Structure formats: structure tokens, C-alpha cells
């Protein structure tokens, strides 16, 4: 298998070989162009976003700067996705974000991991697991989502949380590691929250 085939198959591979680094460079240069756009250049910004991402639904918006290992090439956005400042997508594998999901500032979504073996890590090897975020999810500020995680539709992840494992649909989860606190049901849709979900000490 080539290193690219290993990467796509979720196997341990060497990310520093030319067959991977050459196309990756093209992707991150386009990302640099996106991050350099002025607020008045919204049409160009949106055109670059649609070129960069694997999928970009209608009415998506990403506040620059965006950081991504592959410049968003493996990021899939549904319709109406909003991402605030400093979203980091370690998109060595696919990242799926469902329609109408909101992502707060300084969120990190990781798909890449490294072997536990020091000998393999010394060689710079890694492997990847996709991340799936459902529809109408709210990811609070400064959340970190680790490889292989799935977050169900309609859930809320409290600010500063570390998401190590799957989160079911329709719940509020927070903490480090994130745990389910309660259901999102039982509150009137037009009633403001009495408190913002944040991690427990």
C-alpha cells in the first residue's frame, strides 16, 4: 500500500512523504488566501470557502482565521453551518458537520492521532479517525473534539469541554472529559437559558 492508501484506510502511515505533502501544500496555500481576505471581500471569501471544503452547503459562514491541516479538503458542511473565529480542523480524515450547527470561537476538531509506541512516534507516524457532528448542534467556545467522536443531532457541548467519546442526540454535555448533564428538552423555545452550560470543576 502507498502511504496515501494507508492514510485513507485509517492505518498507521508516514504523513511526511512527498505524495502526501505536495497536495497538502496546495490546500493550505488556498487556506492562506481565504484567511487573507478583507471583510469587504465577502464574495471572494465565500468562493474560496466553497473551493476549499469537501462539501459546503447553502448559507455557511466561517469567520477567519480558519486553521486546517488539509485546508478544509476533508471537511463536510451541511447547510447553514456557522463557525466563529479560530476554528482548527485537524482534517487528515473526514470531519462531517450537520446543517444548522453552530461552532463557537477557538474550537479544535481532531481526526489525527499518534501511536502509543515511542518507537513509532519517533518516526513521525500517525493514523486518523473521522469525526461526525450532527445537525443543529451547538459547540461552545474552546471545545476540543478528539478523533473518532460522534455528536448526535441537537446536542449542546458546554464551553471548554474535552469530548473523548460519543455524545448522544438531544443532550447537554460538558466537562473534561465531557459527560451528559441533562436533556435539552423541557424548556420553552423562546425562553432564555438561566445559565450557560460550562464544565464542572
N, C-alpha and C. Protein backbone atom coordinates (compact mmCIF):
# COMPACT_ATOMS: atom_id res chain seq x y z
N UNK A 1 0.83 -1.20 0.00
CA UNK A 1 0.00 0.00 0.00
C UNK A 1 0.86 1.25 0.00
N UNK A 2 0.43 2.26 -0.71
CA UNK A 2 1.11 3.55 -0.63
C UNK A 2 0.75 4.22 0.69
N UNK A 3 1.52 5.26 1.05
CA UNK A 3 1.22 5.98 2.28
C UNK A 3 -0.16 6.67 2.18
N UNK A 4 -0.51 7.14 1.01
CA UNK A 4 -1.84 7.75 0.82
C UNK A 4 -2.94 6.72 1.03
N UNK A 5 -2.76 5.51 0.50
CA UNK A 5 -3.75 4.45 0.69
C UNK A 5 -3.88 4.08 2.16
N UNK A 6 -2.75 4.03 2.86
CA UNK A 6 -2.80 3.76 4.30
C UNK A 6 -3.56 4.86 5.04
N UNK A 7 -3.29 6.11 4.67
CA UNK A 7 -3.96 7.25 5.30
C UNK A 7 -5.48 7.14 5.12
N UNK A 8 -5.92 6.86 3.91
CA UNK A 8 -7.35 6.79 3.62
C UNK A 8 -8.01 5.59 4.27
N UNK A 9 -7.23 4.53 4.54
CA UNK A 9 -7.76 3.31 5.15
C UNK A 9 -7.74 3.35 6.67
N UNK A 10 -7.25 4.45 7.27
CA UNK A 10 -7.20 4.55 8.72
C UNK A 10 -6.05 3.78 9.35
N UNK A 11 -5.04 3.44 8.54
CA UNK A 11 -3.89 2.70 9.05
C UNK A 11 -2.78 3.67 9.47
N UNK A 12 -1.79 3.15 10.17
CA UNK A 12 -0.63 3.97 10.53
C UNK A 12 0.17 4.26 9.27
N UNK A 13 0.53 5.53 9.11
CA UNK A 13 1.23 5.94 7.88
C UNK A 13 2.20 7.08 8.18
N UNK A 14 3.03 7.39 7.19
CA UNK A 14 4.00 8.47 7.30
C UNK A 14 3.45 9.70 6.58
N UNK A 15 3.08 10.76 7.31
CA UNK A 15 2.48 11.93 6.67
C UNK A 15 3.48 12.86 6.00
N UNK A 16 4.76 12.55 6.10
CA UNK A 16 5.79 13.46 5.60
C UNK A 16 6.30 13.11 4.21
N UNK A 17 5.74 12.10 3.57
CA UNK A 17 6.21 11.72 2.23
C UNK A 17 5.67 12.69 1.18
N UNK A 18 6.38 12.79 0.05
CA UNK A 18 6.03 13.76 -0.99
C UNK A 18 4.62 13.55 -1.53
N UNK A 19 4.19 12.29 -1.66
CA UNK A 19 2.88 12.03 -2.25
C UNK A 19 1.74 12.60 -1.40
N UNK A 20 2.01 12.83 -0.12
CA UNK A 20 1.02 13.45 0.76
C UNK A 20 1.28 14.94 0.91
N UNK A 21 2.52 15.32 1.08
CA UNK A 21 2.82 16.72 1.36
C UNK A 21 2.59 17.64 0.17
N UNK A 22 2.78 17.16 -1.05
CA UNK A 22 2.61 18.03 -2.22
C UNK A 22 1.15 18.50 -2.37
N UNK A 23 0.17 17.60 -2.38
CA UNK A 23 -1.22 18.08 -2.47
C UNK A 23 -1.65 18.84 -1.22
N UNK A 24 -1.11 18.47 -0.08
CA UNK A 24 -1.46 19.18 1.16
C UNK A 24 -1.01 20.63 1.09
N UNK A 25 0.16 20.88 0.51
CA UNK A 25 0.67 22.25 0.38
C UNK A 25 -0.27 23.11 -0.46
N UNK A 26 -0.79 22.55 -1.54
CA UNK A 26 -1.73 23.29 -2.38
C UNK A 26 -2.97 23.68 -1.58
N UNK A 27 -3.45 22.76 -0.75
CA UNK A 27 -4.65 23.02 0.05
C UNK A 27 -4.42 24.12 1.07
N UNK A 28 -3.28 24.09 1.76
CA UNK A 28 -3.07 25.08 2.81
C UNK A 28 -2.70 26.45 2.23
N UNK A 29 -2.20 26.49 1.00
CA UNK A 29 -1.97 27.78 0.36
C UNK A 29 -3.30 28.45 0.01
N UNK A 30 -4.28 27.68 -0.41
CA UNK A 30 -5.61 28.23 -0.67
C UNK A 30 -6.24 28.70 0.63
N UNK A 31 -6.02 27.95 1.72
CA UNK A 31 -6.49 28.38 3.02
C UNK A 31 -5.87 29.71 3.43
N UNK A 32 -4.58 29.89 3.15
CA UNK A 32 -3.91 31.16 3.46
C UNK A 32 -4.56 32.31 2.71
N UNK A 33 -4.97 32.06 1.46
CA UNK A 33 -5.66 33.10 0.68
C UNK A 33 -7.00 33.44 1.31
N UNK A 34 -7.72 32.44 1.78
CA UNK A 34 -9.00 32.66 2.46
C UNK A 34 -8.80 33.52 3.70
N UNK A 35 -7.81 33.18 4.52
CA UNK A 35 -7.57 33.91 5.76
C UNK A 35 -7.10 35.34 5.51
N UNK A 36 -6.56 35.61 4.32
CA UNK A 36 -6.06 36.95 4.00
C UNK A 36 -7.14 37.87 3.43
N UNK A 37 -8.35 37.36 3.19
CA UNK A 37 -9.40 38.20 2.62
C UNK A 37 -9.82 39.28 3.62
N UNK A 38 -10.21 40.43 3.06
CA UNK A 38 -10.71 41.54 3.87
C UNK A 38 -12.21 41.35 4.13
N UNK A 39 -12.73 41.95 5.19
CA UNK A 39 -14.17 41.86 5.44
C UNK A 39 -15.02 42.34 4.26
N UNK A 40 -14.48 43.28 3.48
CA UNK A 40 -15.21 43.79 2.31
C UNK A 40 -15.18 42.83 1.13
N UNK A 41 -14.35 41.77 1.21
CA UNK A 41 -14.22 40.82 0.10
C UNK A 41 -15.04 39.56 0.36
N UNK A 42 -16.28 39.74 0.77
CA UNK A 42 -17.10 38.61 1.17
C UNK A 42 -17.36 37.64 0.02
N UNK A 43 -17.55 38.16 -1.18
CA UNK A 43 -17.81 37.27 -2.32
C UNK A 43 -16.62 36.37 -2.58
N UNK A 44 -15.41 36.94 -2.56
CA UNK A 44 -14.20 36.14 -2.76
C UNK A 44 -14.01 35.15 -1.61
N UNK A 45 -14.27 35.59 -0.40
CA UNK A 45 -14.13 34.72 0.77
C UNK A 45 -15.03 33.49 0.64
N UNK A 46 -16.28 33.72 0.26
CA UNK A 46 -17.22 32.60 0.15
C UNK A 46 -16.85 31.68 -1.01
N UNK A 47 -16.35 32.26 -2.11
CA UNK A 47 -15.93 31.43 -3.24
C UNK A 47 -14.76 30.53 -2.84
N UNK A 48 -13.81 31.07 -2.10
CA UNK A 48 -12.67 30.27 -1.64
C UNK A 48 -13.12 29.18 -0.68
N UNK A 49 -14.08 29.51 0.19
CA UNK A 49 -14.58 28.51 1.13
C UNK A 49 -15.19 27.33 0.39
N UNK A 50 -15.98 27.62 -0.64
CA UNK A 50 -16.60 26.54 -1.42
C UNK A 50 -15.56 25.71 -2.17
N UNK A 51 -14.45 26.35 -2.58
CA UNK A 51 -13.37 25.61 -3.24
C UNK A 51 -12.61 24.74 -2.24
N UNK A 52 -12.42 25.24 -1.04
CA UNK A 52 -11.58 24.58 -0.05
C UNK A 52 -12.23 23.34 0.54
N UNK A 53 -13.51 23.45 0.87
CA UNK A 53 -14.16 22.38 1.62
C UNK A 53 -14.58 21.23 0.72
N UNK A 54 -14.60 20.02 1.28
CA UNK A 54 -15.10 18.86 0.54
C UNK A 54 -16.56 19.05 0.17
N UNK A 55 -17.34 19.59 1.10
CA UNK A 55 -18.74 19.94 0.87
C UNK A 55 -19.04 21.22 1.63
N UNK A 56 -19.78 22.12 1.00
CA UNK A 56 -20.17 23.37 1.64
C UNK A 56 -21.61 23.66 1.25
N UNK A 57 -22.53 23.49 2.19
CA UNK A 57 -23.94 23.70 1.91
C UNK A 57 -24.28 25.17 1.73
N UNK A 58 -25.55 25.45 1.58
CA UNK A 58 -26.02 26.82 1.42
C UNK A 58 -25.89 27.59 2.74
N UNK A 59 -25.57 28.88 2.61
CA UNK A 59 -25.58 29.81 3.74
C UNK A 59 -24.65 29.41 4.88
N UNK A 60 -23.50 28.85 4.53
CA UNK A 60 -22.47 28.58 5.55
C UNK A 60 -21.60 29.82 5.72
N UNK A 61 -21.05 29.97 6.92
CA UNK A 61 -20.14 31.09 7.14
C UNK A 61 -19.07 30.68 8.14
N UNK A 62 -17.82 31.00 7.81
CA UNK A 62 -16.68 30.73 8.68
C UNK A 62 -15.93 32.04 8.89
N UNK A 63 -15.80 32.45 10.15
CA UNK A 63 -15.02 33.65 10.47
C UNK A 63 -13.54 33.32 10.39
N UNK A 64 -12.77 34.02 9.54
CA UNK A 64 -11.32 33.82 9.58
C UNK A 64 -10.75 34.29 10.92
N UNK A 65 -9.62 33.74 11.37
CA UNK A 65 -8.86 32.71 10.67
C UNK A 65 -9.39 31.30 10.93
N UNK A 66 -9.30 30.50 9.89
CA UNK A 66 -9.57 29.07 9.95
C UNK A 66 -8.23 28.35 9.84
N UNK A 67 -8.02 27.32 10.65
CA UNK A 67 -6.81 26.50 10.58
C UNK A 67 -7.21 25.08 10.21
N UNK A 68 -6.51 24.49 9.27
CA UNK A 68 -6.83 23.12 8.87
C UNK A 68 -5.62 22.47 8.22
N UNK A 69 -5.30 21.25 8.66
CA UNK A 69 -4.13 20.54 8.12
C UNK A 69 -4.18 20.39 6.61
N UNK A 70 -5.39 20.13 6.11
CA UNK A 70 -5.59 19.95 4.67
C UNK A 70 -6.41 21.10 4.08
N UNK A 71 -6.39 22.24 4.74
CA UNK A 71 -7.07 23.41 4.20
C UNK A 71 -8.56 23.23 4.05
N UNK A 72 -9.14 22.27 4.79
CA UNK A 72 -10.57 22.02 4.70
C UNK A 72 -10.96 20.99 3.66
N UNK A 73 -9.98 20.38 3.00
CA UNK A 73 -10.29 19.43 1.93
C UNK A 73 -11.13 18.26 2.41
N UNK A 74 -11.01 17.91 3.68
CA UNK A 74 -11.75 16.77 4.22
C UNK A 74 -12.86 17.19 5.18
N UNK A 75 -13.29 18.46 5.06
CA UNK A 75 -14.35 19.00 5.92
C UNK A 75 -15.65 19.08 5.12
N UNK A 76 -16.72 18.54 5.69
CA UNK A 76 -18.02 18.48 5.02
C UNK A 76 -19.03 19.28 5.84
N UNK A 77 -19.53 20.40 5.30
CA UNK A 77 -20.52 21.23 5.98
C UNK A 77 -21.88 21.05 5.33
N UNK A 78 -22.91 20.86 6.15
CA UNK A 78 -24.27 20.92 5.65
C UNK A 78 -24.69 22.37 5.45
N UNK A 79 -25.98 22.62 5.37
CA UNK A 79 -26.49 23.98 5.17
C UNK A 79 -26.46 24.77 6.47
N UNK A 80 -26.19 26.07 6.34
CA UNK A 80 -26.33 26.98 7.47
C UNK A 80 -25.38 26.74 8.61
N UNK A 81 -24.21 26.18 8.35
CA UNK A 81 -23.21 25.98 9.41
C UNK A 81 -22.51 27.31 9.68
N UNK A 82 -22.36 27.65 10.94
CA UNK A 82 -21.63 28.86 11.34
C UNK A 82 -20.47 28.47 12.24
N UNK A 83 -19.28 28.96 11.90
CA UNK A 83 -18.09 28.72 12.72
C UNK A 83 -17.45 30.05 13.07
N UNK A 84 -17.25 30.29 14.34
CA UNK A 84 -16.68 31.55 14.82
C UNK A 84 -15.15 31.52 14.66
N UNK A 85 -14.49 32.57 15.16
CA UNK A 85 -13.05 32.75 14.98
C UNK A 85 -12.24 31.55 15.46
N UNK A 86 -11.14 31.28 14.75
CA UNK A 86 -10.12 30.32 15.20
C UNK A 86 -10.60 28.88 15.29
N UNK A 87 -11.45 28.48 14.37
CA UNK A 87 -11.75 27.05 14.27
C UNK A 87 -10.52 26.33 13.74
N UNK A 88 -10.10 25.28 14.44
CA UNK A 88 -8.99 24.44 13.99
C UNK A 88 -9.53 23.07 13.64
N UNK A 89 -9.35 22.67 12.39
CA UNK A 89 -9.77 21.35 11.92
C UNK A 89 -8.52 20.55 11.56
N UNK A 90 -8.19 19.59 12.39
CA UNK A 90 -7.10 18.67 12.05
C UNK A 90 -7.74 17.63 11.13
N UNK A 91 -7.85 18.01 9.86
CA UNK A 91 -8.70 17.28 8.91
C UNK A 91 -7.91 16.28 8.05
N UNK A 92 -7.07 15.49 8.71
CA UNK A 92 -6.38 14.42 7.99
C UNK A 92 -7.36 13.32 7.59
N UNK A 93 -8.46 13.19 8.33
CA UNK A 93 -9.58 12.35 7.94
C UNK A 93 -10.81 13.25 7.83
N UNK A 94 -11.94 12.67 7.45
CA UNK A 94 -13.15 13.46 7.22
C UNK A 94 -13.74 14.00 8.52
N UNK A 95 -14.21 15.24 8.44
CA UNK A 95 -14.97 15.88 9.50
C UNK A 95 -16.32 16.25 8.91
N UNK A 96 -17.39 15.68 9.46
CA UNK A 96 -18.75 15.93 8.98
C UNK A 96 -19.47 16.82 9.99
N UNK A 97 -20.01 17.94 9.51
CA UNK A 97 -20.76 18.86 10.37
C UNK A 97 -22.14 19.04 9.76
N UNK A 98 -23.17 18.67 10.52
CA UNK A 98 -24.53 18.71 10.01
C UNK A 98 -25.09 20.12 9.88
N UNK A 99 -26.19 20.23 9.16
CA UNK A 99 -26.82 21.53 8.88
C UNK A 99 -27.22 22.24 10.17
N UNK A 100 -27.07 23.57 10.13
CA UNK A 100 -27.52 24.48 11.19
C UNK A 100 -26.76 24.29 12.50
N UNK A 101 -25.57 23.72 12.40
CA UNK A 101 -24.71 23.59 13.59
C UNK A 101 -23.93 24.88 13.79
N UNK A 102 -23.78 25.29 15.05
CA UNK A 102 -23.02 26.49 15.40
C UNK A 102 -21.78 26.07 16.18
N UNK A 103 -20.65 26.65 15.78
CA UNK A 103 -19.36 26.33 16.40
C UNK A 103 -18.78 27.61 16.99
N UNK A 104 -18.53 27.61 18.29
CA UNK A 104 -18.01 28.79 18.97
C UNK A 104 -16.55 29.06 18.66
N UNK A 105 -16.00 30.17 19.18
CA UNK A 105 -14.61 30.51 18.91
C UNK A 105 -13.63 29.53 19.56
N UNK A 106 -12.48 29.38 18.93
CA UNK A 106 -11.37 28.59 19.48
C UNK A 106 -11.71 27.12 19.69
N UNK A 107 -12.49 26.57 18.80
CA UNK A 107 -12.83 25.14 18.85
C UNK A 107 -11.80 24.36 18.03
N UNK A 108 -11.42 23.18 18.54
CA UNK A 108 -10.50 22.29 17.83
C UNK A 108 -11.17 20.95 17.59
N UNK A 109 -11.15 20.52 16.33
CA UNK A 109 -11.71 19.21 15.95
C UNK A 109 -10.56 18.39 15.38
N UNK A 110 -10.20 17.30 16.07
CA UNK A 110 -9.03 16.49 15.69
C UNK A 110 -9.46 15.17 15.08
N UNK A 111 -8.86 14.80 13.96
CA UNK A 111 -9.03 13.45 13.43
C UNK A 111 -7.74 12.65 13.50
N UNK A 112 -6.62 13.30 13.73
CA UNK A 112 -5.32 12.62 13.69
C UNK A 112 -4.88 12.20 15.09
N UNK A 113 -4.24 11.04 15.18
CA UNK A 113 -3.69 10.53 16.43
C UNK A 113 -2.35 9.88 16.14
N UNK A 114 -1.61 9.62 17.18
CA UNK A 114 -0.28 9.03 17.03
C UNK A 114 -0.21 7.73 17.84
N UNK A 115 0.62 6.79 17.42
CA UNK A 115 0.73 5.52 18.14
C UNK A 115 1.23 5.73 19.57
N UNK A 116 0.84 4.83 20.46
CA UNK A 116 1.35 4.88 21.83
C UNK A 116 2.82 4.48 21.89
N UNK A 117 3.26 3.68 20.95
CA UNK A 117 4.65 3.21 20.93
C UNK A 117 5.61 4.37 20.70
N UNK A 118 6.54 4.63 21.63
CA UNK A 118 7.53 5.69 21.42
C UNK A 118 8.36 5.48 20.16
N UNK A 119 8.65 4.22 19.84
CA UNK A 119 9.46 3.94 18.64
C UNK A 119 8.74 4.38 17.38
N UNK A 120 7.43 4.12 17.30
CA UNK A 120 6.67 4.54 16.13
C UNK A 120 6.48 6.06 16.09
N UNK A 121 6.26 6.66 17.26
CA UNK A 121 6.11 8.12 17.31
C UNK A 121 7.38 8.81 16.88
N UNK A 122 8.55 8.22 17.22
CA UNK A 122 9.83 8.81 16.84
C UNK A 122 9.99 8.87 15.32
N UNK A 123 9.27 8.00 14.62
CA UNK A 123 9.31 8.00 13.15
C UNK A 123 8.31 8.99 12.55
N UNK A 124 7.54 9.68 13.41
CA UNK A 124 6.59 10.66 12.93
C UNK A 124 5.32 10.07 12.35
N UNK A 125 5.01 8.82 12.72
CA UNK A 125 3.85 8.14 12.13
C UNK A 125 2.56 8.58 12.83
N UNK A 126 1.44 8.43 12.11
CA UNK A 126 0.14 8.76 12.69
C UNK A 126 -0.94 7.90 12.04
N UNK A 127 -2.15 8.00 12.59
CA UNK A 127 -3.33 7.38 11.98
C UNK A 127 -4.50 8.31 12.23
N UNK A 128 -5.60 8.11 11.51
CA UNK A 128 -6.71 9.05 11.55
C UNK A 128 -8.04 8.35 11.78
N UNK A 129 -8.97 9.07 12.44
CA UNK A 129 -10.33 8.60 12.63
C UNK A 129 -11.29 9.75 12.35
N UNK A 130 -12.33 9.54 11.56
CA UNK A 130 -13.25 10.64 11.23
C UNK A 130 -14.06 11.11 12.44
N UNK A 131 -14.51 12.35 12.37
CA UNK A 131 -15.38 12.95 13.39
C UNK A 131 -16.70 13.31 12.73
N UNK A 132 -17.80 13.01 13.43
CA UNK A 132 -19.14 13.31 12.90
C UNK A 132 -19.92 14.13 13.92
N UNK A 133 -20.35 15.31 13.49
CA UNK A 133 -21.16 16.20 14.32
C UNK A 133 -22.51 16.33 13.64
N UNK A 134 -23.58 16.09 14.38
CA UNK A 134 -24.91 16.05 13.79
C UNK A 134 -25.46 17.41 13.43
N UNK A 135 -26.75 17.41 13.10
CA UNK A 135 -27.44 18.64 12.73
C UNK A 135 -27.87 19.42 13.97
N UNK A 136 -27.87 20.76 13.81
CA UNK A 136 -28.38 21.66 14.84
C UNK A 136 -27.70 21.44 16.19
N UNK A 137 -26.40 21.24 16.14
CA UNK A 137 -25.58 21.09 17.35
C UNK A 137 -24.97 22.45 17.69
N UNK A 138 -24.81 22.73 18.96
CA UNK A 138 -24.11 23.93 19.41
C UNK A 138 -22.84 23.49 20.13
N UNK A 139 -21.69 23.87 19.56
CA UNK A 139 -20.38 23.58 20.15
C UNK A 139 -19.89 24.86 20.81
N UNK A 140 -19.77 24.88 22.13
CA UNK A 140 -19.37 26.09 22.84
C UNK A 140 -17.91 26.46 22.61
N UNK A 141 -17.54 27.64 23.07
CA UNK A 141 -16.18 28.15 22.89
C UNK A 141 -15.14 27.22 23.52
N UNK A 142 -14.01 27.11 22.86
CA UNK A 142 -12.83 26.42 23.39
C UNK A 142 -13.07 24.93 23.65
N UNK A 143 -13.95 24.32 22.89
CA UNK A 143 -14.18 22.87 22.98
C UNK A 143 -13.13 22.15 22.14
N UNK A 144 -12.67 20.99 22.62
CA UNK A 144 -11.79 20.11 21.85
C UNK A 144 -12.50 18.78 21.63
N UNK A 145 -12.57 18.36 20.36
CA UNK A 145 -13.22 17.10 19.98
C UNK A 145 -12.15 16.18 19.42
N UNK A 146 -12.01 14.99 20.00
CA UNK A 146 -10.92 14.09 19.64
C UNK A 146 -11.32 13.10 18.54
N UNK A 147 -10.34 12.40 17.95
CA UNK A 147 -10.60 11.53 16.80
C UNK A 147 -11.64 10.46 17.08
N UNK A 148 -12.48 10.20 16.07
CA UNK A 148 -13.45 9.12 16.12
C UNK A 148 -14.74 9.44 16.82
N UNK A 149 -14.90 10.66 17.34
CA UNK A 149 -16.09 11.03 18.12
C UNK A 149 -17.27 11.32 17.20
N UNK A 150 -18.46 10.92 17.65
CA UNK A 150 -19.72 11.31 17.01
C UNK A 150 -20.56 12.07 18.03
N UNK A 151 -21.11 13.22 17.61
CA UNK A 151 -22.00 14.02 18.46
C UNK A 151 -23.37 14.02 17.79
N UNK A 152 -24.40 13.60 18.53
CA UNK A 152 -25.72 13.42 17.97
C UNK A 152 -26.45 14.72 17.68
N UNK A 153 -27.48 14.64 16.85
CA UNK A 153 -28.28 15.79 16.45
C UNK A 153 -28.82 16.53 17.67
N UNK A 154 -28.81 17.86 17.59
CA UNK A 154 -29.48 18.69 18.57
C UNK A 154 -28.78 18.84 19.90
N UNK A 155 -27.60 18.28 20.06
CA UNK A 155 -26.92 18.35 21.36
C UNK A 155 -26.14 19.65 21.52
N UNK A 156 -25.80 19.96 22.77
CA UNK A 156 -25.03 21.14 23.13
C UNK A 156 -23.80 20.68 23.89
N UNK A 157 -22.63 21.19 23.48
CA UNK A 157 -21.38 20.88 24.18
C UNK A 157 -20.92 22.15 24.88
N UNK A 158 -20.84 22.10 26.21
CA UNK A 158 -20.50 23.28 27.01
C UNK A 158 -19.09 23.78 26.75
N UNK A 159 -18.92 25.09 26.94
CA UNK A 159 -17.64 25.74 26.68
C UNK A 159 -16.51 25.08 27.45
N UNK A 160 -15.37 24.94 26.79
CA UNK A 160 -14.17 24.41 27.42
C UNK A 160 -14.14 22.91 27.59
N UNK A 161 -15.10 22.20 27.02
CA UNK A 161 -15.18 20.75 27.22
C UNK A 161 -14.17 19.99 26.36
N UNK A 162 -13.80 18.81 26.84
CA UNK A 162 -12.95 17.88 26.10
C UNK A 162 -13.81 16.66 25.77
N UNK A 163 -14.10 16.47 24.49
CA UNK A 163 -15.01 15.39 24.07
C UNK A 163 -14.17 14.20 23.63
N UNK A 164 -14.14 13.17 24.49
CA UNK A 164 -13.33 11.98 24.25
C UNK A 164 -14.11 10.84 23.63
N UNK A 165 -15.43 10.85 23.85
CA UNK A 165 -16.26 9.73 23.40
C UNK A 165 -17.57 10.27 22.85
N UNK A 166 -18.34 9.39 22.23
CA UNK A 166 -19.58 9.79 21.57
C UNK A 166 -20.56 10.44 22.54
N UNK A 167 -21.30 11.43 22.01
CA UNK A 167 -22.35 12.12 22.75
C UNK A 167 -23.67 11.83 22.04
N UNK A 168 -24.69 11.36 22.76
CA UNK A 168 -25.95 11.02 22.10
C UNK A 168 -26.70 12.27 21.64
N UNK A 169 -27.76 12.09 20.85
CA UNK A 169 -28.56 13.23 20.40
C UNK A 169 -29.34 13.87 21.55
N UNK A 170 -29.61 15.16 21.42
CA UNK A 170 -30.55 15.83 22.28
C UNK A 170 -30.16 16.00 23.73
N UNK A 171 -28.86 16.15 24.00
CA UNK A 171 -28.42 16.32 25.38
C UNK A 171 -27.48 17.51 25.50
N UNK A 172 -27.32 17.98 26.74
CA UNK A 172 -26.28 18.94 27.08
C UNK A 172 -25.15 18.15 27.73
N UNK A 173 -23.94 18.30 27.20
CA UNK A 173 -22.77 17.62 27.74
C UNK A 173 -21.68 18.64 27.99
N UNK A 174 -20.94 18.47 29.09
CA UNK A 174 -19.86 19.40 29.41
C UNK A 174 -18.87 18.72 30.33
N UNK A 175 -17.68 19.30 30.40
CA UNK A 175 -16.66 18.80 31.32
C UNK A 175 -15.44 18.28 30.60
N UNK A 176 -14.47 17.83 31.40
CA UNK A 176 -13.23 17.29 30.86
C UNK A 176 -12.89 16.00 31.62
N UNK A 177 -13.31 14.84 31.10
CA UNK A 177 -13.96 14.65 29.80
C UNK A 177 -15.45 15.04 29.86
N UNK A 178 -16.01 15.34 28.69
CA UNK A 178 -17.40 15.74 28.62
C UNK A 178 -18.30 14.59 29.04
N UNK A 179 -19.32 14.92 29.84
CA UNK A 179 -20.32 13.93 30.24
C UNK A 179 -21.70 14.55 30.07
N UNK A 180 -22.70 13.72 29.90
CA UNK A 180 -24.06 14.20 29.72
C UNK A 180 -24.57 14.77 31.04
N UNK A 181 -25.10 16.01 30.99
CA UNK A 181 -25.63 16.68 32.18
C UNK A 181 -27.14 16.55 32.24
N UNK A 182 -27.78 16.77 31.11
CA UNK A 182 -29.24 16.70 31.08
C UNK A 182 -29.70 16.68 29.63
N UNK A 183 -31.00 16.49 29.44
CA UNK A 183 -31.62 16.57 28.13
C UNK A 183 -31.81 18.03 27.74
N UNK A 184 -31.87 18.31 26.46
CA UNK A 184 -32.18 19.67 26.02
C UNK A 184 -33.67 19.93 26.02
N UNK A 185 -34.48 18.91 26.22
CA UNK A 185 -35.94 19.08 26.22
C UNK A 185 -36.43 19.69 27.53
N UNK A 186 -37.70 20.15 27.52
CA UNK A 186 -38.31 20.65 28.74
C UNK A 186 -38.16 22.14 28.95
N UNK A 187 -37.65 22.88 27.97
CA UNK A 187 -37.51 24.32 28.09
C UNK A 187 -38.22 24.97 26.90
N UNK A 188 -38.99 26.00 27.16
CA UNK A 188 -39.68 26.69 26.07
C UNK A 188 -38.67 27.23 25.07
N UNK A 189 -39.00 27.15 23.79
CA UNK A 189 -38.04 27.54 22.75
C UNK A 189 -37.68 29.01 22.82
N UNK A 190 -38.60 29.86 23.33
CA UNK A 190 -38.30 31.29 23.37
C UNK A 190 -37.85 31.75 24.76
N UNK A 191 -37.56 30.79 25.65
CA UNK A 191 -37.11 31.12 27.00
C UNK A 191 -35.59 31.16 27.05
N UNK A 192 -34.99 32.28 27.49
CA UNK A 192 -33.53 32.31 27.55
C UNK A 192 -33.01 31.37 28.62
N UNK A 193 -31.81 30.86 28.39
CA UNK A 193 -31.18 29.98 29.36
C UNK A 193 -30.85 30.77 30.64
N UNK A 194 -31.11 30.18 31.80
CA UNK A 194 -30.76 30.82 33.06
C UNK A 194 -29.25 30.72 33.31
N UNK A 195 -28.60 29.76 32.67
CA UNK A 195 -27.16 29.62 32.82
C UNK A 195 -26.59 28.99 31.56
N UNK A 196 -25.39 29.37 31.23
CA UNK A 196 -24.69 28.82 30.08
C UNK A 196 -24.02 27.53 30.53
N UNK A 197 -24.19 26.41 29.78
CA UNK A 197 -23.54 25.17 30.20
C UNK A 197 -22.02 25.27 30.12
N UNK A 198 -21.38 25.09 31.24
CA UNK A 198 -19.92 25.13 31.31
C UNK A 198 -19.43 23.91 32.08
N UNK A 199 -18.18 23.54 31.92
CA UNK A 199 -17.67 22.36 32.62
C UNK A 199 -17.74 22.49 34.13
N UNK A 200 -17.96 21.36 34.79
CA UNK A 200 -17.89 21.34 36.25
C UNK A 200 -16.43 21.37 36.67
N UNK A 201 -16.13 21.93 37.85
CA UNK A 201 -14.73 21.95 38.31
C UNK A 201 -14.24 20.55 38.62
